[in-house]
Amino acid sequence: MKDLNKFELARIVGARALQLSLGAPPLIKATKKMSFIDVALIELEKGVIPLIILN
């Protein structure tokens, strides 16, 4: 994945966190202490986030 600037990172993590808050299943092993943003960040780091990033 390409390097993301802070605005792209915020947009992608925010979109995935919104999906999770609306009931989408997490794609990593999440604990109850983790926020939706924490889950989205880890998904992005592991490359399993289900979003397509175009240049």
Protein backbone atom coordinates (compact mmCIF):
# COMPACT_ATOMS: atom_id res chain seq x y z
CA MET A 1 0.00 0.00 0.00
CA LYS A 2 1.20 3.49 -0.71
CA ASP A 3 2.12 5.89 2.05
CA LEU A 4 -0.94 7.79 3.18
CA ASN A 5 -0.90 11.38 4.35
CA LYS A 6 -2.73 12.27 7.54
CA PHE A 7 -5.90 13.33 5.71
CA GLU A 8 -6.14 10.09 3.70
CA LEU A 9 -5.47 8.05 6.83
CA ALA A 10 -8.19 9.89 8.77
CA ARG A 11 -10.70 9.44 5.93
CA ILE A 12 -10.07 5.70 5.55
CA VAL A 13 -9.98 4.92 9.26
CA GLY A 14 -13.09 7.05 9.83
CA ALA A 15 -15.01 5.30 7.06
CA ARG A 16 -14.11 1.85 8.38
CA ALA A 17 -14.88 2.84 12.00
CA LEU A 18 -18.31 4.02 10.84
CA GLN A 19 -18.92 0.67 9.14
CA LEU A 20 -17.94 -1.14 12.35
CA SER A 21 -20.20 1.07 14.46
CA LEU A 22 -23.11 0.24 12.17
CA GLY A 23 -22.63 -3.49 12.68
CA ALA A 24 -20.00 -4.62 10.17
CA PRO A 25 -18.00 -7.58 11.52
CA PRO A 26 -14.38 -6.84 12.46
CA LEU A 27 -11.79 -8.62 10.32
CA ILE A 28 -9.34 -9.03 13.19
CA LYS A 29 -9.62 -10.51 16.66
CA ALA A 30 -11.00 -7.57 18.63
CA THR A 31 -11.47 -7.24 22.37
CA LYS A 32 -14.26 -5.38 24.12
CA LYS A 33 -11.78 -2.72 25.30
CA MET A 34 -10.91 -1.71 21.72
CA SER A 35 -12.70 1.22 20.12
CA PHE A 36 -13.94 1.13 16.54
CA ILE A 37 -11.04 3.39 15.60
CA ASP A 38 -8.53 1.02 17.19
CA VAL A 39 -9.97 -1.88 15.20
CA ALA A 40 -9.93 0.13 11.97
CA LEU A 41 -6.29 1.17 12.49
CA ILE A 42 -5.18 -2.42 13.10
CA GLU A 43 -7.13 -3.62 10.06
CA LEU A 44 -5.40 -0.99 7.95
CA GLU A 45 -1.96 -1.93 9.31
CA LYS A 46 -2.57 -5.62 8.53
CA GLY A 47 -3.92 -4.84 5.08
CA VAL A 48 -7.31 -6.50 5.59
CA ILE A 49 -9.44 -3.36 5.49
CA PRO A 50 -12.16 -3.90 2.86
CA LEU A 51 -11.77 -0.56 1.12
CA ILE A 52 -10.17 0.16 -2.24
CA ILE A 53 -7.76 3.07 -2.34
CA LEU A 54 -7.32 4.70 -5.75
CA ASN A 55 -4.65 7.21 -6.70
